[in-house]
Amino acid sequence: MKCVALVFLAAGLLPAGDSGGIRPRGNPTDYPAHQTGKGVTIAAAVVAPEQVAKLFATDLNRGGYIVVEVAVYPEAGGEVAVLSRDFLLRIGSDPTTARPVSAQTIASALQRKNAPPKPRSPGDVTVYPTATIGYESGSYNGQRRGGVYTAAGVGVGIGDPGPGAPPRPASTDVDRSTMQQELEDKGLPEGKTTEALAGYLFFLKPASAKRTAPSLHLTYYAADGEVSLVIPPPRRK
């Protein structure tokens, strides 16, 4: 009975090294913003758009998303239940708050946005971009690793291909699945944890937000209370 109970308990915790996300920084103070609440410290940093383009094959900048690196540090001997929906973001003085957008929603939205326009008549010539996103993940020496690659080109279509024709390769279901896999693999892990963990949260930038980079107000709603912190804009290099 004791063995069964231990297995059940372990199943409820995030397995170290195989739970997705990214490696947390050594200390909460290594982040531009950090705040401690009851039983947990939350630390965060806004990822600059130029860095987002390097980290992700998925074009999050074009989609209008803000990427926030978030780390969760449970107090020694404590346990924290981490869920993405427990985070809310407010931009600058805008009173509107937003929850993180799921990887599935982002991938589906970007697939629709990248779909080529239909020609207006059978004789029209349509020039459209083609893009392939590749992502591979796995583990090496006990550490999770991932790699991305992209390939781009131009396709030309004449007229209506007719019913039953294969879709043009501007944004396929394979691309959507690959984008979702990449975002989920690097996103903030969810579940109960006794160890520090980190990952990215993705927020859709509201249309009312100014083009300048304001501070972000991030609030984490835990079972024992909320933790709020103000994240400064990323530094320009």
C-alpha atoms as a PDB file:
ATOM      1  CA  MET A   1       0.000   0.000   0.000  1.00  0.00           C
ATOM      2  CA  LYS A   2       2.829   2.372   0.767  1.00  0.00           C
ATOM      3  CA  CYS A   3       4.370   1.841  -2.677  1.00  0.00           C
ATOM      4  CA  VAL A   4       1.042   2.567  -4.381  1.00  0.00           C
ATOM      5  CA  ALA A   5       0.603   5.751  -2.379  1.00  0.00           C
ATOM      6  CA  LEU A   6       4.078   6.966  -3.284  1.00  0.00           C
ATOM      7  CA  VAL A   7       3.487   6.334  -6.990  1.00  0.00           C
ATOM      8  CA  PHE A   8       0.198   8.228  -6.860  1.00  0.00           C
ATOM      9  CA  LEU A   9       1.840  11.173  -5.135  1.00  0.00           C
ATOM     10  CA  ALA A  10       4.689  11.304  -7.651  1.00  0.00           C
ATOM     11  CA  ALA A  11       2.231  11.267 -10.550  1.00  0.00           C
ATOM     12  CA  GLY A  12       0.753  14.541  -9.323  1.00  0.00           C
ATOM     13  CA  LEU A  13       4.089  16.373  -9.448  1.00  0.00           C
ATOM     14  CA  LEU A  14       5.892  17.770 -12.451  1.00  0.00           C
ATOM     15  CA  PRO A  15       8.782  15.413 -13.333  1.00  0.00           C
ATOM     16  CA  ALA A  16      12.081  17.296 -13.220  1.00  0.00           C
ATOM     17  CA  GLY A  17      13.817  17.654 -16.592  1.00  0.00           C
ATOM     18  CA  ASP A  18      10.838  16.356 -18.613  1.00  0.00           C
ATOM     19  CA  SER A  19       8.023  18.824 -17.937  1.00  0.00           C
ATOM     20  CA  GLY A  20       8.619  21.265 -20.771  1.00  0.00           C
ATOM     21  CA  GLY A  21       9.233  24.923 -20.201  1.00  0.00           C
ATOM     22  CA  ILE A  22      12.714  26.381 -19.881  1.00  0.00           C
ATOM     23  CA  ARG A  23      15.415  26.350 -17.244  1.00  0.00           C
ATOM     24  CA  PRO A  24      14.651  28.895 -14.477  1.00  0.00           C
ATOM     25  CA  ARG A  25      17.349  31.425 -13.668  1.00  0.00           C
ATOM     26  CA  GLY A  26      19.432  30.788 -10.580  1.00  0.00           C
ATOM     27  CA  ASN A  27      17.581  33.259  -8.352  1.00  0.00           C
ATOM     28  CA  PRO A  28      14.418  35.374  -8.568  1.00  0.00           C
ATOM     29  CA  THR A  29      16.654  38.452  -8.388  1.00  0.00           C
ATOM     30  CA  ASP A  30      18.098  37.487 -11.776  1.00  0.00           C
ATOM     31  CA  TYR A  31      14.828  38.676 -13.341  1.00  0.00           C
ATOM     32  CA  PRO A  32      13.902  42.342 -13.880  1.00  0.00           C
ATOM     33  CA  ALA A  33      10.874  41.871 -11.611  1.00  0.00           C
ATOM     34  CA  HIS A  34      10.120  39.530  -8.717  1.00  0.00           C
ATOM     35  CA  GLN A  35       7.702  39.440  -5.815  1.00  0.00           C
ATOM     36  CA  THR A  36       7.129  37.040  -2.943  1.00  0.00           C
ATOM     37  CA  GLY A  37       3.740  35.971  -1.649  1.00  0.00           C
ATOM     38  CA  LYS A  38       2.642  33.294   0.761  1.00  0.00           C
ATOM     39  CA  GLY A  39       4.645  30.204  -0.090  1.00  0.00           C
ATOM     40  CA  VAL A  40       5.885  31.317  -3.510  1.00  0.00           C
ATOM     41  CA  THR A  41       8.012  33.853  -5.354  1.00  0.00           C
ATOM     42  CA  ILE A  42       7.059  34.918  -8.864  1.00  0.00           C
ATOM     43  CA  ALA A  43       9.699  36.401 -11.175  1.00  0.00           C
ATOM     44  CA  ALA A  44       9.256  37.648 -14.731  1.00  0.00           C
ATOM     45  CA  ALA A  45      10.800  39.399 -17.711  1.00  0.00           C
ATOM     46  CA  VAL A  46       9.334  40.747 -20.936  1.00  0.00           C
ATOM     47  CA  VAL A  47      10.976  39.227 -24.009  1.00  0.00           C
ATOM     48  CA  ALA A  48      11.956  41.876 -26.565  1.00  0.00           C
ATOM     49  CA  PRO A  49      10.451  41.383 -30.061  1.00  0.00           C
ATOM     50  CA  GLU A  50      13.871  40.863 -31.662  1.00  0.00           C
ATOM     51  CA  GLN A  51      14.596  38.138 -29.113  1.00  0.00           C
ATOM     52  CA  VAL A  52      11.180  36.556 -29.684  1.00  0.00           C
ATOM     53  CA  ALA A  53      12.082  36.211 -33.365  1.00  0.00           C
ATOM     54  CA  LYS A  54      15.228  34.300 -32.393  1.00  0.00           C
ATOM     55  CA  LEU A  55      13.588  32.056 -29.796  1.00  0.00           C
ATOM     56  CA  PHE A  56      10.524  30.977 -31.782  1.00  0.00           C
ATOM     57  CA  ALA A  57       9.987  29.769 -35.322  1.00  0.00           C
ATOM     58  CA  THR A  58       6.349  30.757 -34.853  1.00  0.00           C
ATOM     59  CA  ASP A  59       5.891  34.404 -35.900  1.00  0.00           C
ATOM     60  CA  LEU A  60       4.489  35.728 -32.627  1.00  0.00           C
ATOM     61  CA  ASN A  61       5.462  39.323 -33.418  1.00  0.00           C
ATOM     62  CA  ARG A  62       3.369  39.397 -36.570  1.00  0.00           C
ATOM     63  CA  GLY A  63       0.496  37.861 -34.653  1.00  0.00           C
ATOM     64  CA  GLY A  64       0.583  40.720 -32.126  1.00  0.00           C
ATOM     65  CA  TYR A  65       1.577  38.712 -29.062  1.00  0.00           C
ATOM     66  CA  ILE A  66       3.552  39.794 -26.015  1.00  0.00           C
ATOM     67  CA  VAL A  67       5.853  37.093 -24.660  1.00  0.00           C
ATOM     68  CA  VAL A  68       6.618  37.044 -20.936  1.00  0.00           C
ATOM     69  CA  GLU A  69       9.179  34.751 -19.342  1.00  0.00           C
ATOM     70  CA  VAL A  70       7.780  33.654 -15.972  1.00  0.00           C
ATOM     71  CA  ALA A  71       9.463  31.688 -13.187  1.00  0.00           C
ATOM     72  CA  VAL A  72       7.833  30.164 -10.120  1.00  0.00           C
ATOM     73  CA  TYR A  73       9.915  29.498  -6.998  1.00  0.00           C
ATOM     74  CA  PRO A  74       8.105  27.566  -4.232  1.00  0.00           C
ATOM     75  CA  GLU A  75       9.381  28.200  -0.716  1.00  0.00           C
ATOM     76  CA  ALA A  76      11.633  25.503   0.702  1.00  0.00           C
ATOM     77  CA  GLY A  77       9.615  22.414   1.537  1.00  0.00           C
ATOM     78  CA  GLY A  78       6.463  23.847  -0.031  1.00  0.00           C
ATOM     79  CA  GLU A  79       4.365  22.861  -3.011  1.00  0.00           C
ATOM     80  CA  VAL A  80       2.697  25.130  -5.560  1.00  0.00           C
ATOM     81  CA  ALA A  81      -0.007  24.314  -8.098  1.00  0.00           C
ATOM     82  CA  VAL A  82       0.826  26.208 -11.301  1.00  0.00           C
ATOM     83  CA  LEU A  83      -1.839  26.984 -13.911  1.00  0.00           C
ATOM     84  CA  SER A  84      -1.469  29.472 -16.766  1.00  0.00           C
ATOM     85  CA  ARG A  85      -5.019  30.714 -16.286  1.00  0.00           C
ATOM     86  CA  ASP A  86      -4.067  31.958 -12.824  1.00  0.00           C
ATOM     87  CA  PHE A  87      -2.011  34.755 -14.409  1.00  0.00           C
ATOM     88  CA  LEU A  88      -3.456  38.085 -15.537  1.00  0.00           C
ATOM     89  CA  LEU A  89      -1.630  40.836 -17.420  1.00  0.00           C
ATOM     90  CA  ARG A  90      -2.341  44.561 -17.593  1.00  0.00           C
ATOM     91  CA  ILE A  91      -0.402  46.842 -19.927  1.00  0.00           C
ATOM     92  CA  GLY A  92       0.618  50.283 -18.656  1.00  0.00           C
ATOM     93  CA  SER A  93      -2.334  52.361 -17.482  1.00  0.00           C
ATOM     94  CA  ASP A  94      -4.844  50.389 -19.562  1.00  0.00           C
ATOM     95  CA  PRO A  95      -7.462  48.995 -17.137  1.00  0.00           C
ATOM     96  CA  THR A  96      -8.083  45.969 -19.367  1.00  0.00           C
ATOM     97  CA  THR A  97      -6.582  42.686 -18.194  1.00  0.00           C
ATOM     98  CA  ALA A  98      -5.816  39.633 -20.291  1.00  0.00           C
ATOM     99  CA  ARG A  99      -5.230  35.970 -19.610  1.00  0.00           C
ATOM    100  CA  PRO A 100      -2.548  33.977 -21.455  1.00  0.00           C
ATOM    101  CA  VAL A 101      -3.509  32.658 -24.875  1.00  0.00           C
ATOM    102  CA  SER A 102      -3.139  28.913 -25.333  1.00  0.00           C
ATOM    103  CA  ALA A 103      -0.722  27.421 -27.834  1.00  0.00           C
ATOM    104  CA  GLN A 104      -3.605  25.797 -29.716  1.00  0.00           C
ATOM    105  CA  THR A 105      -5.431  29.124 -30.115  1.00  0.00           C
ATOM    106  CA  ILE A 106      -2.299  30.928 -31.316  1.00  0.00           C
ATOM    107  CA  ALA A 107      -1.410  28.232 -33.837  1.00  0.00           C
ATOM    108  CA  SER A 108      -4.950  28.158 -35.239  1.00  0.00           C
ATOM    109  CA  ALA A 109      -5.108  31.954 -35.525  1.00  0.00           C
ATOM    110  CA  LEU A 110      -1.756  32.198 -37.289  1.00  0.00           C
ATOM    111  CA  GLN A 111      -2.676  29.400 -39.668  1.00  0.00           C
ATOM    112  CA  ARG A 112      -5.791  31.293 -40.739  1.00  0.00           C
ATOM    113  CA  LYS A 113      -3.838  34.547 -41.071  1.00  0.00           C
ATOM    114  CA  ASN A 114      -1.243  32.903 -43.317  1.00  0.00           C
ATOM    115  CA  ALA A 115      -3.782  31.255 -45.599  1.00  0.00           C
ATOM    116  CA  PRO A 116      -3.469  32.573 -49.199  1.00  0.00           C
ATOM    117  CA  PRO A 117      -6.258  34.759 -50.651  1.00  0.00           C
ATOM    118  CA  LYS A 118      -8.588  33.167 -53.175  1.00  0.00           C
ATOM    119  CA  PRO A 119      -8.299  34.433 -56.779  1.00  0.00           C
ATOM    120  CA  ARG A 120     -11.156  36.695 -57.841  1.00  0.00           C
ATOM    121  CA  SER A 121     -11.758  34.934 -61.157  1.00  0.00           C
ATOM    122  CA  PRO A 122     -10.650  31.714 -62.899  1.00  0.00           C
ATOM    123  CA  GLY A 123      -7.979  33.596 -64.870  1.00  0.00           C
ATOM    124  CA  ASP A 124      -6.437  35.492 -61.953  1.00  0.00           C
ATOM    125  CA  VAL A 125      -2.850  34.802 -60.974  1.00  0.00           C
ATOM    126  CA  THR A 126      -2.239  34.633 -57.231  1.00  0.00           C
ATOM    127  CA  VAL A 127       1.235  35.002 -55.729  1.00  0.00           C
ATOM    128  CA  TYR A 128       1.394  33.851 -52.122  1.00  0.00           C
ATOM    129  CA  PRO A 129       4.092  33.179 -49.532  1.00  0.00           C
ATOM    130  CA  THR A 130       4.932  29.631 -48.555  1.00  0.00           C
ATOM    131  CA  ALA A 131       6.383  28.770 -45.190  1.00  0.00           C
ATOM    132  CA  THR A 132       7.384  25.605 -43.451  1.00  0.00           C
ATOM    133  CA  ILE A 133       8.074  25.515 -39.726  1.00  0.00           C
ATOM    134  CA  GLY A 134      10.018  22.644 -38.253  1.00  0.00           C
ATOM    135  CA  TYR A 135      10.485  21.868 -34.590  1.00  0.00           C
ATOM    136  CA  GLU A 136      12.086  18.937 -32.882  1.00  0.00           C
ATOM    137  CA  SER A 137      12.311  18.241 -29.175  1.00  0.00           C
ATOM    138  CA  GLY A 138      13.908  15.587 -27.059  1.00  0.00           C
ATOM    139  CA  SER A 139      16.322  15.077 -24.202  1.00  0.00           C
ATOM    140  CA  TYR A 140      20.083  14.800 -23.962  1.00  0.00           C
ATOM    141  CA  ASN A 141      21.969  13.875 -20.783  1.00  0.00           C
ATOM    142  CA  GLY A 142      18.762  14.293 -18.812  1.00  0.00           C
ATOM    143  CA  GLN A 143      18.076  17.832 -20.089  1.00  0.00           C
ATOM    144  CA  ARG A 144      15.282  18.814 -22.456  1.00  0.00           C
ATOM    145  CA  ARG A 145      16.410  20.179 -25.820  1.00  0.00           C
ATOM    146  CA  GLY A 146      14.529  21.663 -28.750  1.00  0.00           C
ATOM    147  CA  GLY A 147      15.419  22.978 -32.181  1.00  0.00           C
ATOM    148  CA  VAL A 148      13.548  25.006 -34.754  1.00  0.00           C
ATOM    149  CA  TYR A 149      13.994  25.692 -38.427  1.00  0.00           C
ATOM    150  CA  THR A 150      12.070  27.614 -41.067  1.00  0.00           C
ATOM    151  CA  ALA A 151      11.932  27.544 -44.835  1.00  0.00           C
ATOM    152  CA  ALA A 152      10.240  30.166 -46.958  1.00  0.00           C
ATOM    153  CA  GLY A 153       9.486  30.707 -50.625  1.00  0.00           C
ATOM    154  CA  VAL A 154       6.898  31.980 -53.095  1.00  0.00           C
ATOM    155  CA  GLY A 155       4.150  30.018 -54.774  1.00  0.00           C
ATOM    156  CA  VAL A 156       2.113  30.958 -57.844  1.00  0.00           C
ATOM    157  CA  GLY A 157      -1.432  29.816 -58.462  1.00  0.00           C
ATOM    158  CA  ILE A 158      -3.581  30.431 -61.547  1.00  0.00           C
ATOM    159  CA  GLY A 159      -7.328  30.493 -61.263  1.00  0.00           C
ATOM    160  CA  ASP A 160      -9.438  28.220 -59.114  1.00  0.00           C
ATOM    161  CA  PRO A 161      -7.861  24.784 -58.568  1.00  0.00           C
ATOM    162  CA  GLY A 162     -11.349  23.367 -58.272  1.00  0.00           C
ATOM    163  CA  PRO A 163     -13.008  21.200 -55.623  1.00  0.00           C
ATOM    164  CA  GLY A 164     -10.980  18.411 -54.157  1.00  0.00           C
ATOM    165  CA  ALA A 165      -7.622  19.973 -55.015  1.00  0.00           C
ATOM    166  CA  PRO A 166      -4.958  19.828 -52.289  1.00  0.00           C
ATOM    167  CA  PRO A 167      -4.545  23.043 -50.262  1.00  0.00           C
ATOM    168  CA  ARG A 168      -1.775  25.426 -51.208  1.00  0.00           C
ATOM    169  CA  PRO A 169       1.215  25.158 -48.887  1.00  0.00           C
ATOM    170  CA  ALA A 170       1.012  28.646 -47.355  1.00  0.00           C
ATOM    171  CA  SER A 171      -0.058  27.288 -43.974  1.00  0.00           C
ATOM    172  CA  THR A 172      -0.950  23.639 -43.601  1.00  0.00           C
ATOM    173  CA  ASP A 173      -2.325  21.570 -40.755  1.00  0.00           C
ATOM    174  CA  VAL A 174       1.196  20.246 -40.266  1.00  0.00           C
ATOM    175  CA  ASP A 175       2.462  23.812 -39.766  1.00  0.00           C
ATOM    176  CA  ARG A 176      -0.321  24.474 -37.271  1.00  0.00           C
ATOM    177  CA  SER A 177       0.495  21.327 -35.333  1.00  0.00           C
ATOM    178  CA  THR A 178       4.200  22.203 -35.338  1.00  0.00           C
ATOM    179  CA  MET A 179       3.563  25.743 -34.099  1.00  0.00           C
ATOM    180  CA  GLN A 180       1.374  24.408 -31.306  1.00  0.00           C
ATOM    181  CA  GLN A 181       4.014  21.850 -30.313  1.00  0.00           C
ATOM    182  CA  GLU A 182       6.745  24.492 -30.135  1.00  0.00           C
ATOM    183  CA  LEU A 183       4.674  26.874 -28.002  1.00  0.00           C
ATOM    184  CA  GLU A 184       3.507  24.135 -25.657  1.00  0.00           C
ATOM    185  CA  ASP A 185       7.040  22.794 -25.250  1.00  0.00           C
ATOM    186  CA  LYS A 186       8.403  26.219 -24.247  1.00  0.00           C
ATOM    187  CA  GLY A 187       5.325  27.407 -22.366  1.00  0.00           C
ATOM    188  CA  LEU A 188       5.075  27.611 -18.590  1.00  0.00           C
ATOM    189  CA  PRO A 189       4.608  24.034 -17.279  1.00  0.00           C
ATOM    190  CA  GLU A 190       1.374  23.354 -15.409  1.00  0.00           C
ATOM    191  CA  GLY A 191       0.815  21.156 -12.393  1.00  0.00           C
ATOM    192  CA  LYS A 192       2.021  20.788  -8.839  1.00  0.00           C
ATOM    193  CA  THR A 193       5.689  21.393  -8.187  1.00  0.00           C
ATOM    194  CA  THR A 194       8.068  21.581  -5.251  1.00  0.00           C
ATOM    195  CA  GLU A 195      10.917  22.874  -7.415  1.00  0.00           C
ATOM    196  CA  ALA A 196      11.489  26.084  -9.327  1.00  0.00           C
ATOM    197  CA  LEU A 197      10.173  26.064 -12.884  1.00  0.00           C
ATOM    198  CA  ALA A 198       9.938  28.554 -15.732  1.00  0.00           C
ATOM    199  CA  GLY A 199       8.439  29.016 -19.182  1.00  0.00           C
ATOM    200  CA  TYR A 200       6.782  31.521 -21.464  1.00  0.00           C
ATOM    201  CA  LEU A 201       3.280  32.959 -21.350  1.00  0.00           C
ATOM    202  CA  PHE A 202       1.746  34.517 -24.444  1.00  0.00           C
ATOM    203  CA  PHE A 203      -0.620  37.480 -24.258  1.00  0.00           C
ATOM    204  CA  LEU A 204      -2.443  39.158 -27.134  1.00  0.00           C
ATOM    205  CA  LYS A 205      -1.552  42.840 -27.217  1.00  0.00           C
ATOM    206  CA  PRO A 206      -4.754  44.928 -27.120  1.00  0.00           C
ATOM    207  CA  ALA A 207      -5.418  47.313 -29.995  1.00  0.00           C
ATOM    208  CA  SER A 208      -5.601  50.214 -27.533  1.00  0.00           C
ATOM    209  CA  ALA A 209      -2.006  49.664 -26.377  1.00  0.00           C
ATOM    210  CA  LYS A 210       0.465  52.298 -27.532  1.00  0.00           C
ATOM    211  CA  ARG A 211       3.407  51.385 -29.729  1.00  0.00           C
ATOM    212  CA  THR A 212       5.810  52.375 -26.989  1.00  0.00           C
ATOM    213  CA  ALA A 213       6.926  49.682 -24.544  1.00  0.00           C
ATOM    214  CA  PRO A 214       5.098  50.371 -21.255  1.00  0.00           C
ATOM    215  CA  SER A 215       5.519  48.481 -18.020  1.00  0.00           C
ATOM    216  CA  LEU A 216       3.473  45.325 -17.612  1.00  0.00           C
ATOM    217  CA  HIS A 217       1.494  44.492 -14.480  1.00  0.00           C
ATOM    218  CA  LEU A 218       1.443  40.746 -13.901  1.00  0.00           C
ATOM    219  CA  THR A 219      -0.727  39.196 -11.193  1.00  0.00           C
ATOM    220  CA  TYR A 220      -0.646  35.574 -10.095  1.00  0.00           C
ATOM    221  CA  TYR A 221      -3.707  34.316  -8.224  1.00  0.00           C
ATOM    222  CA  ALA A 222      -2.657  31.474  -5.942  1.00  0.00           C
ATOM    223  CA  ALA A 223      -4.749  29.467  -3.500  1.00  0.00           C
ATOM    224  CA  ASP A 224      -3.266  31.410  -0.582  1.00  0.00           C
ATOM    225  CA  GLY A 225      -3.509  34.868  -2.114  1.00  0.00           C
ATOM    226  CA  GLU A 226      -2.262  36.903  -5.040  1.00  0.00           C
ATOM    227  CA  VAL A 227       1.214  38.014  -6.055  1.00  0.00           C
ATOM    228  CA  SER A 228       1.558  41.170  -8.168  1.00  0.00           C
ATOM    229  CA  LEU A 229       4.631  42.595  -9.832  1.00  0.00           C
ATOM    230  CA  VAL A 230       5.457  45.334 -12.326  1.00  0.00           C
ATOM    231  CA  ILE A 231       7.725  44.235 -15.158  1.00  0.00           C
ATOM    232  CA  PRO A 232       9.761  47.018 -16.787  1.00  0.00           C
ATOM    233  CA  PRO A 233      10.057  47.200 -20.600  1.00  0.00           C
ATOM    234  CA  PRO A 234      12.905  45.161 -22.109  1.00  0.00           C
ATOM    235  CA  ARG A 235      16.169  46.995 -22.544  1.00  0.00           C
ATOM    236  CA  ARG A 236      17.098  47.973 -26.071  1.00  0.00           C
ATOM    237  CA  LYS A 237      20.490  46.620 -27.100  1.00  0.00           C
END
